[in-house]
Full PDB file with SEQRES, HELIX, SHEET, SSBOND, CRYST1, ORIGX, SCALE, CONECT and MASTER records, all heavy atoms in Angstrom:
SEQRES   1 A   29  ALA VAL GLN GLY ALA ALA THR SER ARG LEU PRO GLU LEU          
SEQRES   2 A   29  GLY ASP ARG LEU ASP ARG ASP LEU GLY ALA ALA ASP LEU          
SEQRES   3 A   29  GLY LEU GLY                                                  
HELIX    1 AA1 VAL A    2  THR A    7  1                                   6    
HELIX    2 AA2 LEU A   10  ALA A   23  1                                  14    
CRYST1    1.000    1.000    1.000  90.00  90.00  90.00 P 1           1          
ORIGX1      1.000000  0.000000  0.000000        0.00000                         
ORIGX2      0.000000  1.000000  0.000000        0.00000                         
ORIGX3      0.000000  0.000000  1.000000        0.00000                         
SCALE1      1.000000  0.000000  0.000000        0.00000                         
SCALE2      0.000000  1.000000  0.000000        0.00000                         
SCALE3      0.000000  0.000000  1.000000        0.00000                         
ATOM      1  N   ALA A   1     106.887  93.835  81.093  1.00  0.00           N  
ATOM      2  CA  ALA A   1     108.289  93.403  81.168  1.00  0.00           C  
ATOM      3  C   ALA A   1     109.231  94.494  80.684  1.00  0.00           C  
ATOM      4  O   ALA A   1     110.267  94.763  81.307  1.00  0.00           O  
ATOM      5  CB  ALA A   1     108.480  92.130  80.347  1.00  0.00           C  
ATOM      6  N   VAL A   2     108.884  95.136  79.576  1.00  0.00           N  
ATOM      7  CA  VAL A   2     109.740  96.188  79.028  1.00  0.00           C  
ATOM      8  C   VAL A   2     109.771  97.392  79.962  1.00  0.00           C  
ATOM      9  O   VAL A   2     110.839  97.955  80.248  1.00  0.00           O  
ATOM     10  CB  VAL A   2     109.253  96.602  77.620  1.00  0.00           C  
ATOM     11  CG1 VAL A   2     109.992  97.848  77.137  1.00  0.00           C  
ATOM     12  CG2 VAL A   2     109.454  95.468  76.634  1.00  0.00           C  
ATOM     13  N   GLN A   3     108.612  97.791  80.444  1.00  0.00           N  
ATOM     14  CA  GLN A   3     108.572  98.946  81.337  1.00  0.00           C  
ATOM     15  C   GLN A   3     109.301  98.650  82.649  1.00  0.00           C  
ATOM     16  O   GLN A   3     109.985  99.526  83.190  1.00  0.00           O  
ATOM     17  CB  GLN A   3     107.121  99.354  81.596  1.00  0.00           C  
ATOM     18  CG  GLN A   3     106.441  99.936  80.365  1.00  0.00           C  
ATOM     19  CD  GLN A   3     105.001 100.328  80.616  1.00  0.00           C  
ATOM     20  OE1 GLN A   3     104.388  99.895  81.589  1.00  0.00           O  
ATOM     21  NE2 GLN A   3     104.450 101.159  79.751  1.00  0.00           N  
ATOM     22  N   GLY A   4     109.162  97.431  83.141  1.00  0.00           N  
ATOM     23  CA  GLY A   4     109.883  97.060  84.355  1.00  0.00           C  
ATOM     24  C   GLY A   4     111.383  97.091  84.142  1.00  0.00           C  
ATOM     25  O   GLY A   4     112.142  97.561  84.998  1.00  0.00           O  
ATOM     26  N   ALA A   5     111.829  96.588  82.984  1.00  0.00           N  
ATOM     27  CA  ALA A   5     113.262  96.595  82.684  1.00  0.00           C  
ATOM     28  C   ALA A   5     113.797  98.016  82.580  1.00  0.00           C  
ATOM     29  O   ALA A   5     114.928  98.296  83.004  1.00  0.00           O  
ATOM     30  CB  ALA A   5     113.518  95.838  81.383  1.00  0.00           C  
ATOM     31  N   ALA A   6     112.987  98.918  82.024  1.00  0.00           N  
ATOM     32  CA  ALA A   6     113.445 100.296  81.824  1.00  0.00           C  
ATOM     33  C   ALA A   6     113.490 101.087  83.123  1.00  0.00           C  
ATOM     34  O   ALA A   6     114.376 101.934  83.315  1.00  0.00           O  
ATOM     35  CB  ALA A   6     112.536 100.999  80.817  1.00  0.00           C  
ATOM     36  N   THR A   7     112.553 100.838  84.019  1.00  0.00           N  
ATOM     37  CA  THR A   7     112.395 101.715  85.191  1.00  0.00           C  
ATOM     38  C   THR A   7     112.876 101.107  86.506  1.00  0.00           C  
ATOM     39  O   THR A   7     112.963 101.816  87.503  1.00  0.00           O  
ATOM     40  CB  THR A   7     110.914 102.105  85.354  1.00  0.00           C  
ATOM     41  OG1 THR A   7     110.122 100.908  85.546  1.00  0.00           O  
ATOM     42  CG2 THR A   7     110.407 102.833  84.119  1.00  0.00           C  
ATOM     43  N   SER A   8     113.181  99.823  86.510  1.00  0.00           N  
ATOM     44  CA  SER A   8     113.509  99.173  87.783  1.00  0.00           C  
ATOM     45  C   SER A   8     114.761  99.752  88.431  1.00  0.00           C  
ATOM     46  O   SER A   8     114.923  99.682  89.656  1.00  0.00           O  
ATOM     47  CB  SER A   8     113.672  97.661  87.577  1.00  0.00           C  
ATOM     48  OG  SER A   8     114.759  97.393  86.704  1.00  0.00           O  
ATOM     49  N   ARG A   9     115.662 100.339  87.630  1.00  0.00           N  
ATOM     50  CA  ARG A   9     116.918 100.855  88.183  1.00  0.00           C  
ATOM     51  C   ARG A   9     117.027 102.374  88.028  1.00  0.00           C  
ATOM     52  O   ARG A   9     118.120 102.933  88.003  1.00  0.00           O  
ATOM     53  CB  ARG A   9     118.097 100.156  87.497  1.00  0.00           C  
ATOM     54  CG  ARG A   9     118.065  98.645  87.673  1.00  0.00           C  
ATOM     55  CD  ARG A   9     119.188  97.937  86.938  1.00  0.00           C  
ATOM     56  NE  ARG A   9     120.468  98.130  87.610  1.00  0.00           N  
ATOM     57  CZ  ARG A   9     121.614  97.603  87.169  1.00  0.00           C  
ATOM     58  NH1 ARG A   9     121.620  96.851  86.073  1.00  0.00           N  
ATOM     59  NH2 ARG A   9     122.742  97.810  87.816  1.00  0.00           N  
ATOM     60  N   LEU A  10     115.870 103.030  87.949  1.00  0.00           N  
ATOM     61  CA  LEU A  10     115.870 104.481  87.813  1.00  0.00           C  
ATOM     62  C   LEU A  10     116.579 105.189  88.977  1.00  0.00           C  
ATOM     63  O   LEU A  10     117.374 106.110  88.747  1.00  0.00           O  
ATOM     64  CB  LEU A  10     114.435 104.996  87.675  1.00  0.00           C  
ATOM     65  CG  LEU A  10     113.938 105.217  86.243  1.00  0.00           C  
ATOM     66  CD1 LEU A  10     112.481 105.622  86.237  1.00  0.00           C  
ATOM     67  CD2 LEU A  10     114.789 106.271  85.550  1.00  0.00           C  
ATOM     68  N   PRO A  11     116.305 104.821  90.236  1.00  0.00           N  
ATOM     69  CA  PRO A  11     117.033 105.488  91.335  1.00  0.00           C  
ATOM     70  C   PRO A  11     118.547 105.314  91.193  1.00  0.00           C  
ATOM     71  O   PRO A  11     119.318 106.251  91.431  1.00  0.00           O  
ATOM     72  CB  PRO A  11     116.491 104.790  92.589  1.00  0.00           C  
ATOM     73  CG  PRO A  11     115.151 104.269  92.183  1.00  0.00           C  
ATOM     74  CD  PRO A  11     115.303 103.876  90.755  1.00  0.00           C  
ATOM     75  N   GLU A  12     118.950 104.119  90.793  1.00  0.00           N  
ATOM     76  CA  GLU A  12     120.380 103.863  90.600  1.00  0.00           C  
ATOM     77  C   GLU A  12     120.934 104.690  89.457  1.00  0.00           C  
ATOM     78  O   GLU A  12     122.093 105.148  89.503  1.00  0.00           O  
ATOM     79  CB  GLU A  12     120.598 102.375  90.338  1.00  0.00           C  
ATOM     80  CG  GLU A  12     122.062 101.982  90.243  1.00  0.00           C  
ATOM     81  CD  GLU A  12     122.244 100.502  89.983  1.00  0.00           C  
ATOM     82  OE1 GLU A  12     121.270  99.733  90.124  1.00  0.00           O  
ATOM     83  OE2 GLU A  12     123.376 100.110  89.637  1.00  0.00           O  
ATOM     84  N   LEU A  13     120.116 104.912  88.430  1.00  0.00           N  
ATOM     85  CA  LEU A  13     120.565 105.711  87.289  1.00  0.00           C  
ATOM     86  C   LEU A  13     120.859 107.136  87.718  1.00  0.00           C  
ATOM     87  O   LEU A  13     121.886 107.718  87.333  1.00  0.00           O  
ATOM     88  CB  LEU A  13     119.507 105.692  86.182  1.00  0.00           C  
ATOM     89  CG  LEU A  13     119.808 106.558  84.955  1.00  0.00           C  
ATOM     90  CD1 LEU A  13     121.081 106.091  84.272  1.00  0.00           C  
ATOM     91  CD2 LEU A  13     118.632 106.532  83.976  1.00  0.00           C  
ATOM     92  N   GLY A  14     119.970 107.726  88.527  1.00  0.00           N  
ATOM     93  CA  GLY A  14     120.208 109.089  88.990  1.00  0.00           C  
ATOM     94  C   GLY A  14     121.481 109.204  89.797  1.00  0.00           C  
ATOM     95  O   GLY A  14     122.290 110.129  89.597  1.00  0.00           O  
ATOM     96  N   ASP A  15     121.686 108.268  90.719  1.00  0.00           N  
ATOM     97  CA  ASP A  15     122.906 108.290  91.535  1.00  0.00           C  
ATOM     98  C   ASP A  15     124.145 108.043  90.677  1.00  0.00           C  
ATOM     99  O   ASP A  15     125.199 108.653  90.899  1.00  0.00           O  
ATOM    100  CB  ASP A  15     122.814 107.229  92.630  1.00  0.00           C  
ATOM    101  CG  ASP A  15     121.718 107.530  93.644  1.00  0.00           C  
ATOM    102  OD1 ASP A  15     121.309 108.707  93.726  1.00  0.00           O  
ATOM    103  OD2 ASP A  15     121.265 106.589  94.329  1.00  0.00           O  
ATOM    104  N   ARG A  16     124.015 107.161  89.715  1.00  0.00           N  
ATOM    105  CA  ARG A  16     125.145 106.848  88.831  1.00  0.00           C  
ATOM    106  C   ARG A  16     125.540 108.089  88.017  1.00  0.00           C  
ATOM    107  O   ARG A  16     126.737 108.381  87.856  1.00  0.00           O  
ATOM    108  CB  ARG A  16     124.750 105.697  87.908  1.00  0.00           C  
ATOM    109  CG  ARG A  16     125.689 105.440  86.727  1.00  0.00           C  
ATOM    110  CD  ARG A  16     126.890 104.608  87.124  1.00  0.00           C  
ATOM    111  NE  ARG A  16     127.624 104.233  85.910  1.00  0.00           N  
ATOM    112  CZ  ARG A  16     127.434 103.100  85.230  1.00  0.00           C  
ATOM    113  NH1 ARG A  16     126.533 102.213  85.659  1.00  0.00           N  
ATOM    114  NH2 ARG A  16     128.136 102.823  84.155  1.00  0.00           N  
ATOM    115  N   LEU A  17     124.565 108.818  87.526  1.00  0.00           N  
ATOM    116  CA  LEU A  17     124.868 110.027  86.762  1.00  0.00           C  
ATOM    117  C   LEU A  17     125.546 111.063  87.641  1.00  0.00           C  
ATOM    118  O   LEU A  17     126.510 111.723  87.220  1.00  0.00           O  
ATOM    119  CB  LEU A  17     123.582 110.592  86.146  1.00  0.00           C  
ATOM    120  CG  LEU A  17     122.965 109.768  85.016  1.00  0.00           C  
ATOM    121  CD1 LEU A  17     121.623 110.350  84.611  1.00  0.00           C  
ATOM    122  CD2 LEU A  17     123.901 109.706  83.815  1.00  0.00           C  
ATOM    123  N   ASP A  18     125.038 111.239  88.873  1.00  0.00           N  
ATOM    124  CA  ASP A  18     125.691 112.169  89.800  1.00  0.00           C  
ATOM    125  C   ASP A  18     127.162 111.799  89.991  1.00  0.00           C  
ATOM    126  O   ASP A  18     128.050 112.662  89.948  1.00  0.00           O  
ATOM    127  CB  ASP A  18     124.980 112.144  91.158  1.00  0.00           C  
ATOM    128  CG  ASP A  18     123.725 113.001  91.160  1.00  0.00           C  
ATOM    129  OD1 ASP A  18     123.590 113.838  90.255  1.00  0.00           O  
ATOM    130  OD2 ASP A  18     122.887 112.817  92.054  1.00  0.00           O  
ATOM    131  N   ARG A  19     127.405 110.507  90.190  1.00  0.00           N  
ATOM    132  CA  ARG A  19     128.760 110.057  90.481  1.00  0.00           C  
ATOM    133  C   ARG A  19     129.666 110.145  89.251  1.00  0.00           C  
ATOM    134  O   ARG A  19     130.778 110.694  89.310  1.00  0.00           O  
ATOM    135  CB  ARG A  19     128.723 108.618  90.986  1.00  0.00           C  
ATOM    136  CG  ARG A  19     130.093 108.080  91.388  1.00  0.00           C  
ATOM    137  CD  ARG A  19     130.008 106.649  91.886  1.00  0.00           C  
ATOM    138  NE  ARG A  19     129.715 105.704  90.813  1.00  0.00           N  
ATOM    139  CZ  ARG A  19     128.541 105.097  90.668  1.00  0.00           C  
ATOM    140  NH1 ARG A  19     127.547 105.323  91.518  1.00  0.00           N  
ATOM    141  NH2 ARG A  19     128.340 104.252  89.669  1.00  0.00           N  
ATOM    142  N   ASP A  20     129.196 109.627  88.116  1.00  0.00           N  
ATOM    143  CA  ASP A  20     130.055 109.549  86.938  1.00  0.00           C  
ATOM    144  C   ASP A  20     130.268 110.911  86.292  1.00  0.00           C  
ATOM    145  O   ASP A  20     131.365 111.204  85.795  1.00  0.00           O  
ATOM    146  CB  ASP A  20     129.454 108.575  85.917  1.00  0.00           C  
ATOM    147  CG  ASP A  20     129.538 107.133  86.378  1.00  0.00           C  
ATOM    148  OD1 ASP A  20     130.078 106.906  87.478  1.00  0.00           O  
ATOM    149  OD2 ASP A  20     129.053 106.237  85.662  1.00  0.00           O  
ATOM    150  N   LEU A  21     129.241 111.731  86.262  1.00  0.00           N  
ATOM    151  CA  LEU A  21     129.419 113.061  85.695  1.00  0.00           C  
ATOM    152  C   LEU A  21     130.341 113.889  86.581  1.00  0.00           C  
ATOM    153  O   LEU A  21     131.132 114.710  86.099  1.00  0.00           O  
ATOM    154  CB  LEU A  21     128.071 113.760  85.524  1.00  0.00           C  
ATOM    155  CG  LEU A  21     127.107 113.118  84.520  1.00  0.00           C  
ATOM    156  CD1 LEU A  21     125.865 113.973  84.361  1.00  0.00           C  
ATOM    157  CD2 LEU A  21     127.770 112.916  83.165  1.00  0.00           C  
ATOM    158  N   GLY A  22     130.234 113.667  87.886  1.00  0.00           N  
ATOM    159  CA  GLY A  22     131.109 114.385  88.791  1.00  0.00           C  
ATOM    160  C   GLY A  22     132.554 113.955  88.669  1.00  0.00           C  
ATOM    161  O   GLY A  22     133.481 114.739  88.906  1.00  0.00           O  
ATOM    162  N   ALA A  23     132.773 112.678  88.307  1.00  0.00           N  
ATOM    163  CA  ALA A  23     134.133 112.166  88.198  1.00  0.00           C  
ATOM    164  C   ALA A  23     134.768 112.439  86.838  1.00  0.00           C  
ATOM    165  O   ALA A  23     135.970 112.219  86.653  1.00  0.00           O  
ATOM    166  CB  ALA A  23     134.136 110.655  88.465  1.00  0.00           C  
ATOM    167  N   ALA A  24     133.971 112.925  85.886  1.00  0.00           N  
ATOM    168  CA  ALA A  24     134.492 113.170  84.539  1.00  0.00           C  
ATOM    169  C   ALA A  24     135.489 114.321  84.551  1.00  0.00           C  
ATOM    170  O   ALA A  24     135.294 115.338  85.227  1.00  0.00           O  
ATOM    171  CB  ALA A  24     133.335 113.465  83.584  1.00  0.00           C  
ATOM    172  N   ASP A  25     136.579 114.162  83.818  1.00  0.00           N  
ATOM    173  CA  ASP A  25     137.589 115.218  83.692  1.00  0.00           C  
ATOM    174  C   ASP A  25     137.088 116.255  82.696  1.00  0.00           C  
ATOM    175  O   ASP A  25     136.967 115.988  81.504  1.00  0.00           O  
ATOM    176  CB  ASP A  25     138.909 114.606  83.215  1.00  0.00           C  
ATOM    177  CG  ASP A  25     140.018 115.653  83.083  1.00  0.00           C  
ATOM    178  OD1 ASP A  25     139.791 116.805  83.491  1.00  0.00           O  
ATOM    179  OD2 ASP A  25     141.097 115.294  82.569  1.00  0.00           O  
ATOM    180  N   LEU A  26     136.820 117.478  83.203  1.00  0.00           N  
ATOM    181  CA  LEU A  26     136.275 118.531  82.351  1.00  0.00           C  
ATOM    182  C   LEU A  26     137.361 119.424  81.761  1.00  0.00           C  
ATOM    183  O   LEU A  26     137.054 120.370  81.030  1.00  0.00           O  
ATOM    184  CB  LEU A  26     135.288 119.390  83.154  1.00  0.00           C  
ATOM    185  CG  LEU A  26     134.114 118.624  83.783  1.00  0.00           C  
ATOM    186  CD1 LEU A  26     133.213 119.582  84.548  1.00  0.00           C  
ATOM    187  CD2 LEU A  26     133.328 117.872  82.728  1.00  0.00           C  
ATOM    188  N   GLY A  27     138.603 119.147  82.083  1.00  0.00           N  
ATOM    189  CA  GLY A  27     139.695 119.931  81.516  1.00  0.00           C  
ATOM    190  C   GLY A  27     139.837 121.310  82.124  1.00  0.00           C  
ATOM    191  O   GLY A  27     140.428 122.214  81.498  1.00  0.00           O  
ATOM    192  N   LEU A  28     139.304 121.512  83.326  1.00  0.00           N  
ATOM    193  CA  LEU A  28     139.363 122.824  83.964  1.00  0.00           C  
ATOM    194  C   LEU A  28     140.582 122.991  84.864  1.00  0.00           C  
ATOM    195  O   LEU A  28     140.875 124.096  85.322  1.00  0.00           O  
ATOM    196  CB  LEU A  28     138.095 123.059  84.795  1.00  0.00           C  
ATOM    197  CG  LEU A  28     136.801 123.275  84.009  1.00  0.00           C  
ATOM    198  CD1 LEU A  28     135.611 123.296  84.957  1.00  0.00           C  
ATOM    199  CD2 LEU A  28     136.861 124.553  83.206  1.00  0.00           C  
ATOM    200  N   GLY A  29     141.266 121.914  85.158  1.00  0.00           N  
ATOM    201  CA  GLY A  29     142.327 121.972  86.161  1.00  0.00           C  
ATOM    202  C   GLY A  29     143.570 122.714  85.713  1.00  0.00           C  
ATOM    203  O   GLY A  29     144.281 123.280  86.539  1.00  0.00           O  
TER     204      GLY A  29                                                      
MASTER        0    0    0    2    0    0    0    6  203    1    0    3          
END                                                                             
């Protein structure tokens, strides 16, 4: 149960990081 809870959304986690890190304001503008 614990391992399933941790890993069931791994693909979504990778995509989420790509999206959210890309949208973060890095102060370069």
